[in-house]
């Protein structure tokens, strides 16, 4: 997620591509929007300001101060559930019988999580090597202590596109035999020792930290299941907007919306096909932040928004086929 700021008492948070996301669902007055990645409440707050009702979900219990702040202002127009967006259809249908008009997903780690050294997401902040978005499951430190060199290498390559994955994995396995790798600083320094660091370049641990975070939280699994959950939940005419922050996620979203077209491609000289039975229509070109937004929030520079409207087609069965999901055999994607 790309929200700026971290304090629950700070002014309203502004997530990336906010105006563009609002445009997807406009006009918002009276609509019901599901914010599957509530975070610091940036999107939810803007939806509520525009007159919508919101069902917010987040797996991180640390978002509750932001929930309470919005509840004080908007009361029952905001409903919040501590849960994963891969189950958003089950959660929403258990809460409200009204048709949902839209779903928004802001994929990845939030600024709130990155800036808290105790969460262990960032190589810039010294802290325990945790990386869990929720409060359960295996931490990054536990994963590094358990996995084989081959498994570590595969994760770093698949989820971080790290070309030096084998060298880094080998160094991790050697280092952990002496003392556990249980802090962000130790892991960052270890990787820097393997790869070196160019002046002015990005930190050499960037890709590895991304890969471990994705593996710890099962993010590829969450993303794919969340997309299919939104497809099951939304009625014909509803909109799904997804903001991603790296090419792996963006590729999955692009292929998800275009899967039927890709699977059923025909000659451009053939008669136009009936699209009334398609799962997604009005698939828009991606939108990215402008120069001014990037200057205000440098973390926005890699953001991409893709959105489409629910068609009349029946929900498709869950499958990773054709979506280009990396490492699907590694971390429970199937």
C-alpha atoms as a PDB file:
ATOM      1  CA  UNK A   1       0.000   0.000   0.000  1.00  0.00           C
ATOM      2  CA  UNK A   2       1.162   3.493  -0.659  1.00  0.00           C
ATOM      3  CA  UNK A   3      -0.205   5.658   2.091  1.00  0.00           C
ATOM      4  CA  UNK A   4       1.933   8.467   3.455  1.00  0.00           C
ATOM      5  CA  UNK A   5       2.455   8.997   7.160  1.00  0.00           C
ATOM      6  CA  UNK A   6       2.168   6.661  10.129  1.00  0.00           C
ATOM      7  CA  UNK A   7       0.591   8.312  13.150  1.00  0.00           C
ATOM      8  CA  UNK A   8      -3.004   7.610  14.016  1.00  0.00           C
ATOM      9  CA  UNK A   9      -3.291  11.245  15.135  1.00  0.00           C
ATOM     10  CA  UNK A  10      -1.852  12.718  11.939  1.00  0.00           C
ATOM     11  CA  UNK A  11      -3.944  14.409   9.252  1.00  0.00           C
ATOM     12  CA  UNK A  12      -5.828  12.174   6.863  1.00  0.00           C
ATOM     13  CA  UNK A  13      -3.603   9.801   4.959  1.00  0.00           C
ATOM     14  CA  UNK A  14      -3.453  10.100   1.185  1.00  0.00           C
ATOM     15  CA  UNK A  15      -2.891   6.795  -0.626  1.00  0.00           C
ATOM     16  CA  UNK A  16      -1.377   6.679  -4.093  1.00  0.00           C
ATOM     17  CA  UNK A  17      -3.522   7.343  -7.155  1.00  0.00           C
ATOM     18  CA  UNK A  18      -6.397   8.484  -4.929  1.00  0.00           C
ATOM     19  CA  UNK A  19      -8.081  10.705  -7.520  1.00  0.00           C
ATOM     20  CA  UNK A  20      -7.811   7.968 -10.136  1.00  0.00           C
ATOM     21  CA  UNK A  21      -9.324   5.374  -7.791  1.00  0.00           C
ATOM     22  CA  UNK A  22     -12.182   7.716  -6.878  1.00  0.00           C
ATOM     23  CA  UNK A  23     -12.865   8.213 -10.594  1.00  0.00           C
ATOM     24  CA  UNK A  24     -13.338   4.462 -11.060  1.00  0.00           C
ATOM     25  CA  UNK A  25     -16.316   4.384  -8.673  1.00  0.00           C
ATOM     26  CA  UNK A  26     -17.742   7.894  -9.185  1.00  0.00           C
ATOM     27  CA  UNK A  27     -20.320   9.020  -8.325  1.00  0.00           C
ATOM     28  CA  UNK A  28     -19.931   7.459  -4.880  1.00  0.00           C
ATOM     29  CA  UNK A  29     -22.923   8.829  -2.984  1.00  0.00           C
ATOM     30  CA  UNK A  30     -24.994   5.940  -1.640  1.00  0.00           C
ATOM     31  CA  UNK A  31     -22.764   3.191  -3.024  1.00  0.00           C
ATOM     32  CA  UNK A  32     -21.294   0.272  -1.057  1.00  0.00           C
ATOM     33  CA  UNK A  33     -17.543  -0.141  -1.562  1.00  0.00           C
ATOM     34  CA  UNK A  34     -15.343  -2.899  -0.177  1.00  0.00           C
ATOM     35  CA  UNK A  35     -11.853  -1.716   0.762  1.00  0.00           C
ATOM     36  CA  UNK A  36     -10.022  -5.024   0.968  1.00  0.00           C
ATOM     37  CA  UNK A  37      -6.768  -3.469   2.189  1.00  0.00           C
ATOM     38  CA  UNK A  38      -7.856  -0.849   4.724  1.00  0.00           C
ATOM     39  CA  UNK A  39      -4.374   0.117   5.985  1.00  0.00           C
ATOM     40  CA  UNK A  40      -4.444   3.631   7.402  1.00  0.00           C
ATOM     41  CA  UNK A  41      -7.899   4.230   5.934  1.00  0.00           C
ATOM     42  CA  UNK A  42      -6.884   6.506   3.073  1.00  0.00           C
ATOM     43  CA  UNK A  43      -9.196   5.115   0.413  1.00  0.00           C
ATOM     44  CA  UNK A  44     -11.975   4.315   2.894  1.00  0.00           C
ATOM     45  CA  UNK A  45     -11.922   7.846   4.280  1.00  0.00           C
ATOM     46  CA  UNK A  46     -12.204   9.344   0.799  1.00  0.00           C
ATOM     47  CA  UNK A  47     -15.090   7.015  -0.104  1.00  0.00           C
ATOM     48  CA  UNK A  48     -16.921   7.957   3.089  1.00  0.00           C
ATOM     49  CA  UNK A  49     -16.322  11.668   2.479  1.00  0.00           C
ATOM     50  CA  UNK A  50     -17.960  11.227  -0.925  1.00  0.00           C
ATOM     51  CA  UNK A  51     -21.071   9.684   0.622  1.00  0.00           C
ATOM     52  CA  UNK A  52     -20.413   5.969   0.201  1.00  0.00           C
ATOM     53  CA  UNK A  53     -20.752   3.172   2.716  1.00  0.00           C
ATOM     54  CA  UNK A  54     -17.600   1.113   3.235  1.00  0.00           C
ATOM     55  CA  UNK A  55     -16.761  -2.384   4.371  1.00  0.00           C
ATOM     56  CA  UNK A  56     -13.076  -2.373   5.254  1.00  0.00           C
ATOM     57  CA  UNK A  57     -10.873  -5.446   5.684  1.00  0.00           C
ATOM     58  CA  UNK A  58      -7.301  -5.809   6.879  1.00  0.00           C
ATOM     59  CA  UNK A  59      -5.278  -8.691   8.255  1.00  0.00           C
ATOM     60  CA  UNK A  60      -3.134  -6.344  10.375  1.00  0.00           C
ATOM     61  CA  UNK A  61      -4.633  -5.644  13.839  1.00  0.00           C
ATOM     62  CA  UNK A  62      -2.419  -2.563  14.016  1.00  0.00           C
ATOM     63  CA  UNK A  63      -4.864  -0.616  11.826  1.00  0.00           C
ATOM     64  CA  UNK A  64      -7.465  -0.299  14.599  1.00  0.00           C
ATOM     65  CA  UNK A  65      -6.557   3.293  15.607  1.00  0.00           C
ATOM     66  CA  UNK A  66      -7.351   4.366  12.038  1.00  0.00           C
ATOM     67  CA  UNK A  67     -10.602   2.403  12.083  1.00  0.00           C
ATOM     68  CA  UNK A  68     -11.678   4.096  15.314  1.00  0.00           C
ATOM     69  CA  UNK A  69     -10.868   7.534  13.928  1.00  0.00           C
ATOM     70  CA  UNK A  70     -13.101   6.995  10.896  1.00  0.00           C
ATOM     71  CA  UNK A  71     -15.849   5.371  12.977  1.00  0.00           C
ATOM     72  CA  UNK A  72     -15.968   8.489  15.148  1.00  0.00           C
ATOM     73  CA  UNK A  73     -16.643  10.593  12.054  1.00  0.00           C
ATOM     74  CA  UNK A  74     -18.846   8.329   9.959  1.00  0.00           C
ATOM     75  CA  UNK A  75     -20.423   5.886  12.408  1.00  0.00           C
ATOM     76  CA  UNK A  76     -22.234   2.899  10.960  1.00  0.00           C
ATOM     77  CA  UNK A  77     -21.381   3.853   7.393  1.00  0.00           C
ATOM     78  CA  UNK A  78     -18.064   2.089   8.057  1.00  0.00           C
ATOM     79  CA  UNK A  79     -17.931  -1.598   8.907  1.00  0.00           C
ATOM     80  CA  UNK A  80     -14.525  -3.126   9.618  1.00  0.00           C
ATOM     81  CA  UNK A  81     -13.431  -6.753   9.816  1.00  0.00           C
ATOM     82  CA  UNK A  82      -9.970  -8.006  10.788  1.00  0.00           C
ATOM     83  CA  UNK A  83      -9.508 -10.562   8.016  1.00  0.00           C
ATOM     84  CA  UNK A  84      -7.782 -11.388   4.742  1.00  0.00           C
ATOM     85  CA  UNK A  85      -9.071 -10.063   1.427  1.00  0.00           C
ATOM     86  CA  UNK A  86      -8.761 -13.520  -0.156  1.00  0.00           C
ATOM     87  CA  UNK A  87     -12.004 -14.269   1.731  1.00  0.00           C
ATOM     88  CA  UNK A  88     -13.680 -10.942   1.014  1.00  0.00           C
ATOM     89  CA  UNK A  89     -16.714 -12.530  -0.632  1.00  0.00           C
ATOM     90  CA  UNK A  90     -17.419 -14.782   2.363  1.00  0.00           C
ATOM     91  CA  UNK A  91     -16.852 -11.941   4.838  1.00  0.00           C
ATOM     92  CA  UNK A  92     -18.994  -9.379   3.022  1.00  0.00           C
ATOM     93  CA  UNK A  93     -21.881 -11.754   2.357  1.00  0.00           C
ATOM     94  CA  UNK A  94     -21.963 -12.622   6.061  1.00  0.00           C
ATOM     95  CA  UNK A  95     -22.309  -8.925   6.949  1.00  0.00           C
ATOM     96  CA  UNK A  96     -24.568  -7.200   4.466  1.00  0.00           C
ATOM     97  CA  UNK A  97     -27.175  -8.378   2.023  1.00  0.00           C
ATOM     98  CA  UNK A  98     -26.932  -5.279  -0.176  1.00  0.00           C
ATOM     99  CA  UNK A  99     -25.225  -5.585  -3.579  1.00  0.00           C
ATOM    100  CA  UNK A 100     -21.650  -4.324  -3.619  1.00  0.00           C
ATOM    101  CA  UNK A 101     -20.861  -1.579  -6.123  1.00  0.00           C
ATOM    102  CA  UNK A 102     -17.092  -1.834  -6.081  1.00  0.00           C
ATOM    103  CA  UNK A 103     -13.978  -3.418  -4.616  1.00  0.00           C
ATOM    104  CA  UNK A 104     -10.560  -1.805  -4.236  1.00  0.00           C
ATOM    105  CA  UNK A 105      -7.325  -3.644  -3.421  1.00  0.00           C
ATOM    106  CA  UNK A 106      -4.039  -1.869  -2.645  1.00  0.00           C
ATOM    107  CA  UNK A 107      -1.500  -4.683  -2.822  1.00  0.00           C
ATOM    108  CA  UNK A 108       1.682  -5.044  -0.788  1.00  0.00           C
ATOM    109  CA  UNK A 109       3.193  -3.550   2.332  1.00  0.00           C
ATOM    110  CA  UNK A 110       1.944  -0.216   3.666  1.00  0.00           C
ATOM    111  CA  UNK A 111       3.991   2.816   4.670  1.00  0.00           C
ATOM    112  CA  UNK A 112       2.684   2.274   8.192  1.00  0.00           C
ATOM    113  CA  UNK A 113       4.281  -1.190   8.244  1.00  0.00           C
ATOM    114  CA  UNK A 114       7.506  -0.156   6.502  1.00  0.00           C
ATOM    115  CA  UNK A 115       8.157   2.720   8.865  1.00  0.00           C
ATOM    116  CA  UNK A 116       7.732   0.639  12.020  1.00  0.00           C
ATOM    117  CA  UNK A 117      11.105  -0.986  12.716  1.00  0.00           C
ATOM    118  CA  UNK A 118       9.499  -3.447  15.118  1.00  0.00           C
ATOM    119  CA  UNK A 119       7.599  -5.038  12.226  1.00  0.00           C
ATOM    120  CA  UNK A 120      10.800  -6.074  10.439  1.00  0.00           C
ATOM    121  CA  UNK A 121       9.803  -5.141   6.894  1.00  0.00           C
ATOM    122  CA  UNK A 122      12.540  -2.663   6.069  1.00  0.00           C
ATOM    123  CA  UNK A 123      16.300  -2.969   5.738  1.00  0.00           C
ATOM    124  CA  UNK A 124      16.453   0.736   6.635  1.00  0.00           C
ATOM    125  CA  UNK A 125      14.976   0.194  10.096  1.00  0.00           C
ATOM    126  CA  UNK A 126      16.755  -1.984  12.662  1.00  0.00           C
ATOM    127  CA  UNK A 127      14.405  -4.484  14.258  1.00  0.00           C
ATOM    128  CA  UNK A 128      13.385  -8.115  14.628  1.00  0.00           C
ATOM    129  CA  UNK A 129      13.190  -9.986  11.323  1.00  0.00           C
ATOM    130  CA  UNK A 130       9.435 -10.559  11.406  1.00  0.00           C
ATOM    131  CA  UNK A 131       7.664  -9.301   8.226  1.00  0.00           C
ATOM    132  CA  UNK A 132       4.257 -10.752   9.121  1.00  0.00           C
ATOM    133  CA  UNK A 133       1.342  -8.537   8.103  1.00  0.00           C
ATOM    134  CA  UNK A 134      -0.915 -10.339  10.553  1.00  0.00           C
ATOM    135  CA  UNK A 135      -0.277 -11.768  13.996  1.00  0.00           C
ATOM    136  CA  UNK A 136       0.071 -15.441  13.132  1.00  0.00           C
ATOM    137  CA  UNK A 137       2.199 -17.721  10.990  1.00  0.00           C
ATOM    138  CA  UNK A 138       5.931 -18.083  10.498  1.00  0.00           C
ATOM    139  CA  UNK A 139       8.213 -15.047  10.744  1.00  0.00           C
ATOM    140  CA  UNK A 140      10.955 -14.278   8.244  1.00  0.00           C
ATOM    141  CA  UNK A 141      13.583 -15.235  10.842  1.00  0.00           C
ATOM    142  CA  UNK A 142      11.940 -18.609  11.376  1.00  0.00           C
ATOM    143  CA  UNK A 143      11.766 -19.135   7.629  1.00  0.00           C
ATOM    144  CA  UNK A 144      15.453 -18.335   7.169  1.00  0.00           C
ATOM    145  CA  UNK A 145      16.329 -20.798   9.932  1.00  0.00           C
ATOM    146  CA  UNK A 146      14.278 -23.627   8.424  1.00  0.00           C
ATOM    147  CA  UNK A 147      14.497 -23.565   4.631  1.00  0.00           C
ATOM    148  CA  UNK A 148      17.167 -25.333   2.626  1.00  0.00           C
ATOM    149  CA  UNK A 149      19.618 -23.428   0.463  1.00  0.00           C
ATOM    150  CA  UNK A 150      17.693 -24.482  -2.653  1.00  0.00           C
ATOM    151  CA  UNK A 151      14.358 -23.378  -1.212  1.00  0.00           C
ATOM    152  CA  UNK A 152      15.759 -19.999  -0.190  1.00  0.00           C
ATOM    153  CA  UNK A 153      17.327 -19.504  -3.604  1.00  0.00           C
ATOM    154  CA  UNK A 154      14.056 -20.352  -5.355  1.00  0.00           C
ATOM    155  CA  UNK A 155      12.107 -17.860  -3.207  1.00  0.00           C
ATOM    156  CA  UNK A 156      14.600 -15.048  -3.767  1.00  0.00           C
ATOM    157  CA  UNK A 157      14.566 -15.631  -7.509  1.00  0.00           C
ATOM    158  CA  UNK A 158      10.822 -16.192  -7.961  1.00  0.00           C
ATOM    159  CA  UNK A 159       9.485 -13.440  -5.706  1.00  0.00           C
ATOM    160  CA  UNK A 160      12.339 -10.936  -5.850  1.00  0.00           C
ATOM    161  CA  UNK A 161      13.702 -11.580  -9.345  1.00  0.00           C
ATOM    162  CA  UNK A 162      17.102 -11.596  -7.633  1.00  0.00           C
ATOM    163  CA  UNK A 163      19.783 -12.707 -10.093  1.00  0.00           C
ATOM    164  CA  UNK A 164      22.239 -13.445  -7.284  1.00  0.00           C
ATOM    165  CA  UNK A 165      19.723 -15.655  -5.431  1.00  0.00           C
ATOM    166  CA  UNK A 166      22.034 -18.659  -5.208  1.00  0.00           C
ATOM    167  CA  UNK A 167      24.939 -16.671  -3.776  1.00  0.00           C
ATOM    168  CA  UNK A 168      22.728 -14.964  -1.209  1.00  0.00           C
ATOM    169  CA  UNK A 169      21.071 -18.242  -0.171  1.00  0.00           C
ATOM    170  CA  UNK A 170      24.472 -19.882   0.228  1.00  0.00           C
ATOM    171  CA  UNK A 171      25.645 -17.009   2.433  1.00  0.00           C
ATOM    172  CA  UNK A 172      22.505 -17.187   4.580  1.00  0.00           C
ATOM    173  CA  UNK A 173      22.902 -20.911   5.191  1.00  0.00           C
ATOM    174  CA  UNK A 174      26.582 -20.460   6.115  1.00  0.00           C
ATOM    175  CA  UNK A 175      25.882 -17.505   8.426  1.00  0.00           C
ATOM    176  CA  UNK A 176      23.003 -19.130  10.298  1.00  0.00           C
ATOM    177  CA  UNK A 177      25.276 -21.989  11.377  1.00  0.00           C
ATOM    178  CA  UNK A 178      27.143 -19.503  13.550  1.00  0.00           C
ATOM    179  CA  UNK A 179      24.277 -17.403  14.939  1.00  0.00           C
ATOM    180  CA  UNK A 180      20.597 -17.014  14.011  1.00  0.00           C
ATOM    181  CA  UNK A 181      19.712 -14.347  11.439  1.00  0.00           C
ATOM    182  CA  UNK A 182      16.974 -12.707  13.454  1.00  0.00           C
ATOM    183  CA  UNK A 183      17.292  -8.966  12.812  1.00  0.00           C
ATOM    184  CA  UNK A 184      16.753  -6.837   9.739  1.00  0.00           C
ATOM    185  CA  UNK A 185      20.155  -5.239  10.147  1.00  0.00           C
ATOM    186  CA  UNK A 186      22.040  -8.532  10.191  1.00  0.00           C
ATOM    187  CA  UNK A 187      20.298  -9.791   7.060  1.00  0.00           C
ATOM    188  CA  UNK A 188      20.794  -6.482   5.234  1.00  0.00           C
ATOM    189  CA  UNK A 189      24.490  -6.381   6.096  1.00  0.00           C
ATOM    190  CA  UNK A 190      24.924 -10.012   5.059  1.00  0.00           C
ATOM    191  CA  UNK A 191      23.391  -9.365   1.634  1.00  0.00           C
ATOM    192  CA  UNK A 192      25.393  -6.173   1.217  1.00  0.00           C
ATOM    193  CA  UNK A 193      28.528  -8.179   1.961  1.00  0.00           C
ATOM    194  CA  UNK A 194      27.636 -10.633  -0.801  1.00  0.00           C
ATOM    195  CA  UNK A 195      26.650  -8.102  -3.462  1.00  0.00           C
ATOM    196  CA  UNK A 196      28.498  -4.932  -2.498  1.00  0.00           C
ATOM    197  CA  UNK A 197      26.859  -1.538  -2.829  1.00  0.00           C
ATOM    198  CA  UNK A 198      27.161   1.100  -5.516  1.00  0.00           C
ATOM    199  CA  UNK A 199      27.135   4.750  -4.368  1.00  0.00           C
ATOM    200  CA  UNK A 200      23.742   6.260  -5.066  1.00  0.00           C
ATOM    201  CA  UNK A 201      22.242   2.928  -6.060  1.00  0.00           C
ATOM    202  CA  UNK A 202      19.377   1.201  -4.325  1.00  0.00           C
ATOM    203  CA  UNK A 203      20.172  -1.028  -1.393  1.00  0.00           C
ATOM    204  CA  UNK A 204      21.323  -4.499  -2.493  1.00  0.00           C
ATOM    205  CA  UNK A 205      18.881  -6.129  -0.047  1.00  0.00           C
ATOM    206  CA  UNK A 206      15.806  -4.578  -1.716  1.00  0.00           C
ATOM    207  CA  UNK A 207      14.851  -7.577  -3.844  1.00  0.00           C
ATOM    208  CA  UNK A 208      15.595 -10.126  -1.121  1.00  0.00           C
ATOM    209  CA  UNK A 209      13.476  -8.313   1.473  1.00  0.00           C
ATOM    210  CA  UNK A 210      10.625  -8.101  -1.045  1.00  0.00           C
ATOM    211  CA  UNK A 211      10.878 -11.821  -1.789  1.00  0.00           C
ATOM    212  CA  UNK A 212      10.907 -12.851   1.871  1.00  0.00           C
ATOM    213  CA  UNK A 213       7.956 -10.596   2.689  1.00  0.00           C
ATOM    214  CA  UNK A 214       5.930 -12.079  -0.165  1.00  0.00           C
ATOM    215  CA  UNK A 215       6.785 -15.615   0.957  1.00  0.00           C
ATOM    216  CA  UNK A 216       6.081 -14.990   4.662  1.00  0.00           C
ATOM    217  CA  UNK A 217       2.638 -13.528   3.927  1.00  0.00           C
ATOM    218  CA  UNK A 218       1.688 -15.751   1.007  1.00  0.00           C
ATOM    219  CA  UNK A 219       1.037 -12.588  -0.984  1.00  0.00           C
ATOM    220  CA  UNK A 220       0.777 -14.209  -4.409  1.00  0.00           C
ATOM    221  CA  UNK A 221      -1.755 -16.639  -3.013  1.00  0.00           C
ATOM    222  CA  UNK A 222      -3.676 -13.782  -1.393  1.00  0.00           C
ATOM    223  CA  UNK A 223      -3.682 -11.699  -4.566  1.00  0.00           C
ATOM    224  CA  UNK A 224      -4.960 -14.429  -6.868  1.00  0.00           C
ATOM    225  CA  UNK A 225      -7.576 -15.645  -4.411  1.00  0.00           C
ATOM    226  CA  UNK A 226      -8.618 -12.052  -3.733  1.00  0.00           C
ATOM    227  CA  UNK A 227      -9.172 -11.392  -7.426  1.00  0.00           C
ATOM    228  CA  UNK A 228     -11.390 -14.451  -7.780  1.00  0.00           C
ATOM    229  CA  UNK A 229     -13.210 -13.557  -4.548  1.00  0.00           C
ATOM    230  CA  UNK A 230     -14.020 -10.105  -5.981  1.00  0.00           C
ATOM    231  CA  UNK A 231     -15.254 -11.760  -9.176  1.00  0.00           C
ATOM    232  CA  UNK A 232     -17.610 -13.939  -7.139  1.00  0.00           C
ATOM    233  CA  UNK A 233     -18.827 -11.036  -5.011  1.00  0.00           C
ATOM    234  CA  UNK A 234     -19.409  -8.289  -7.561  1.00  0.00           C
ATOM    235  CA  UNK A 235     -22.676  -8.203  -9.515  1.00  0.00           C
ATOM    236  CA  UNK A 236     -22.767  -7.296 -13.177  1.00  0.00           C
ATOM    237  CA  UNK A 237     -21.754  -3.650 -13.537  1.00  0.00           C
ATOM    238  CA  UNK A 238     -19.647  -3.520 -10.360  1.00  0.00           C
ATOM    239  CA  UNK A 239     -16.059  -2.279 -10.572  1.00  0.00           C
ATOM    240  CA  UNK A 240     -12.809  -3.771  -9.331  1.00  0.00           C
ATOM    241  CA  UNK A 241      -9.767  -1.492  -8.943  1.00  0.00           C
ATOM    242  CA  UNK A 242      -6.347  -2.915  -8.047  1.00  0.00           C
ATOM    243  CA  UNK A 243      -3.231  -0.900  -7.209  1.00  0.00           C
ATOM    244  CA  UNK A 244       0.059  -2.797  -7.390  1.00  0.00           C
ATOM    245  CA  UNK A 245       3.644  -1.791  -6.688  1.00  0.00           C
ATOM    246  CA  UNK A 246       5.809  -4.162  -8.686  1.00  0.00           C
ATOM    247  CA  UNK A 247       5.740  -5.947 -12.021  1.00  0.00           C
ATOM    248  CA  UNK A 248       5.010  -9.415 -10.633  1.00  0.00           C
ATOM    249  CA  UNK A 249       1.682  -8.319  -9.147  1.00  0.00           C
ATOM    250  CA  UNK A 250       0.786  -6.060 -12.066  1.00  0.00           C
ATOM    251  CA  UNK A 251       1.292  -8.913 -14.534  1.00  0.00           C
ATOM    252  CA  UNK A 252      -1.093 -11.140 -12.557  1.00  0.00           C
ATOM    253  CA  UNK A 253      -3.819  -8.461 -12.453  1.00  0.00           C
ATOM    254  CA  UNK A 254      -3.427  -7.689 -16.158  1.00  0.00           C
ATOM    255  CA  UNK A 255      -3.735 -11.336 -17.120  1.00  0.00           C
ATOM    256  CA  UNK A 256      -6.643 -11.895 -14.741  1.00  0.00           C
ATOM    257  CA  UNK A 257      -8.718  -9.220 -16.461  1.00  0.00           C
ATOM    258  CA  UNK A 258      -7.638 -10.326 -19.940  1.00  0.00           C
ATOM    259  CA  UNK A 259      -7.624 -14.088 -19.377  1.00  0.00           C
ATOM    260  CA  UNK A 260     -10.711 -14.832 -21.469  1.00  0.00           C
ATOM    261  CA  UNK A 261      -9.405 -12.690 -24.324  1.00  0.00           C
ATOM    262  CA  UNK A 262      -6.008 -14.394 -24.160  1.00  0.00           C
ATOM    263  CA  UNK A 263      -7.534 -17.876 -24.076  1.00  0.00           C
ATOM    264  CA  UNK A 264     -10.074 -17.204 -26.793  1.00  0.00           C
ATOM    265  CA  UNK A 265      -8.098 -15.001 -29.187  1.00  0.00           C
ATOM    266  CA  UNK A 266      -9.407 -14.978 -32.746  1.00  0.00           C
ATOM    267  CA  UNK A 267      -8.344 -13.324 -35.961  1.00  0.00           C
ATOM    268  CA  UNK A 268      -8.940  -9.584 -36.156  1.00  0.00           C
ATOM    269  CA  UNK A 269     -10.688 -10.261 -39.468  1.00  0.00           C
ATOM    270  CA  UNK A 270     -13.285 -12.494 -37.831  1.00  0.00           C
ATOM    271  CA  UNK A 271     -16.724 -11.130 -36.869  1.00  0.00           C
ATOM    272  CA  UNK A 272     -16.920  -9.414 -33.482  1.00  0.00           C
ATOM    273  CA  UNK A 273     -17.738 -11.831 -30.691  1.00  0.00           C
ATOM    274  CA  UNK A 274     -20.565 -11.425 -28.209  1.00  0.00           C
ATOM    275  CA  UNK A 275     -19.075 -10.201 -24.905  1.00  0.00           C
ATOM    276  CA  UNK A 276     -22.241 -10.359 -22.812  1.00  0.00           C
ATOM    277  CA  UNK A 277     -21.035 -13.584 -21.180  1.00  0.00           C
ATOM    278  CA  UNK A 278     -17.586 -12.319 -20.272  1.00  0.00           C
ATOM    279  CA  UNK A 279     -16.457 -12.089 -16.660  1.00  0.00           C
ATOM    280  CA  UNK A 280     -14.874  -8.635 -17.153  1.00  0.00           C
ATOM    281  CA  UNK A 281     -15.672  -5.843 -19.584  1.00  0.00           C
ATOM    282  CA  UNK A 282     -14.476  -2.250 -19.963  1.00  0.00           C
ATOM    283  CA  UNK A 283     -10.938  -3.289 -19.068  1.00  0.00           C
ATOM    284  CA  UNK A 284      -9.053   0.002 -18.923  1.00  0.00           C
ATOM    285  CA  UNK A 285      -5.460   0.774 -19.714  1.00  0.00           C
ATOM    286  CA  UNK A 286      -3.244   1.056 -16.643  1.00  0.00           C
ATOM    287  CA  UNK A 287      -2.932   4.411 -14.906  1.00  0.00           C
ATOM    288  CA  UNK A 288       0.205   5.558 -13.117  1.00  0.00           C
ATOM    289  CA  UNK A 289       1.023   8.498 -10.855  1.00  0.00           C
ATOM    290  CA  UNK A 290       2.089  11.776 -12.380  1.00  0.00           C
ATOM    291  CA  UNK A 291       5.241  13.707 -11.649  1.00  0.00           C
ATOM    292  CA  UNK A 292       3.635  15.877  -8.965  1.00  0.00           C
ATOM    293  CA  UNK A 293       2.377  12.884  -6.991  1.00  0.00           C
ATOM    294  CA  UNK A 294       5.756  11.154  -7.179  1.00  0.00           C
ATOM    295  CA  UNK A 295       7.426  14.303  -5.864  1.00  0.00           C
ATOM    296  CA  UNK A 296       4.973  14.385  -2.944  1.00  0.00           C
ATOM    297  CA  UNK A 297       5.321  10.668  -2.239  1.00  0.00           C
ATOM    298  CA  UNK A 298       8.366   8.922  -3.772  1.00  0.00           C
ATOM    299  CA  UNK A 299       6.891   5.517  -2.873  1.00  0.00           C
ATOM    300  CA  UNK A 300       4.216   6.160  -5.486  1.00  0.00           C
ATOM    301  CA  UNK A 301       6.690   5.924  -8.356  1.00  0.00           C
ATOM    302  CA  UNK A 302       6.131   2.189  -8.921  1.00  0.00           C
ATOM    303  CA  UNK A 303       2.352   2.185  -8.481  1.00  0.00           C
ATOM    304  CA  UNK A 304       0.014   0.958 -11.211  1.00  0.00           C
ATOM    305  CA  UNK A 305      -3.789   1.043 -11.182  1.00  0.00           C
ATOM    306  CA  UNK A 306      -5.772  -1.434 -13.266  1.00  0.00           C
ATOM    307  CA  UNK A 307      -9.544  -1.611 -13.226  1.00  0.00           C
ATOM    308  CA  UNK A 308     -12.438  -3.270 -15.002  1.00  0.00           C
ATOM    309  CA  UNK A 309     -16.187  -3.733 -14.768  1.00  0.00           C
ATOM    310  CA  UNK A 310     -17.889  -6.996 -13.898  1.00  0.00           C
ATOM    311  CA  UNK A 311     -19.549  -8.564 -16.898  1.00  0.00           C
ATOM    312  CA  UNK A 312     -22.464 -10.978 -17.092  1.00  0.00           C
ATOM    313  CA  UNK A 313     -20.343 -14.116 -17.121  1.00  0.00           C
ATOM    314  CA  UNK A 314     -20.498 -16.649 -14.319  1.00  0.00           C
ATOM    315  CA  UNK A 315     -17.637 -16.534 -11.788  1.00  0.00           C
ATOM    316  CA  UNK A 316     -14.737 -18.634 -12.994  1.00  0.00           C
ATOM    317  CA  UNK A 317     -13.305 -21.428 -10.844  1.00  0.00           C
ATOM    318  CA  UNK A 318     -10.098 -20.558  -9.014  1.00  0.00           C
ATOM    319  CA  UNK A 319      -6.997 -21.300 -11.075  1.00  0.00           C
ATOM    320  CA  UNK A 320      -3.497 -19.873 -11.404  1.00  0.00           C
ATOM    321  CA  UNK A 321      -3.327 -21.054 -15.001  1.00  0.00           C
ATOM    322  CA  UNK A 322      -2.366 -18.347 -17.469  1.00  0.00           C
ATOM    323  CA  UNK A 323      -1.790 -15.708 -14.776  1.00  0.00           C
ATOM    324  CA  UNK A 324       1.992 -15.854 -14.728  1.00  0.00           C
ATOM    325  CA  UNK A 325       2.154 -16.481 -10.976  1.00  0.00           C
ATOM    326  CA  UNK A 326       5.823 -16.902  -9.963  1.00  0.00           C
ATOM    327  CA  UNK A 327       6.849 -19.667  -7.602  1.00  0.00           C
ATOM    328  CA  UNK A 328       3.409 -21.290  -7.587  1.00  0.00           C
ATOM    329  CA  UNK A 329       4.989 -24.529  -6.347  1.00  0.00           C
ATOM    330  CA  UNK A 330       6.796 -22.793  -3.468  1.00  0.00           C
ATOM    331  CA  UNK A 331       4.361 -21.144  -1.099  1.00  0.00           C
ATOM    332  CA  UNK A 332       0.875 -22.598  -1.266  1.00  0.00           C
ATOM    333  CA  UNK A 333      -0.496 -20.755  -4.289  1.00  0.00           C
ATOM    334  CA  UNK A 334      -2.407 -23.764  -5.622  1.00  0.00           C
END
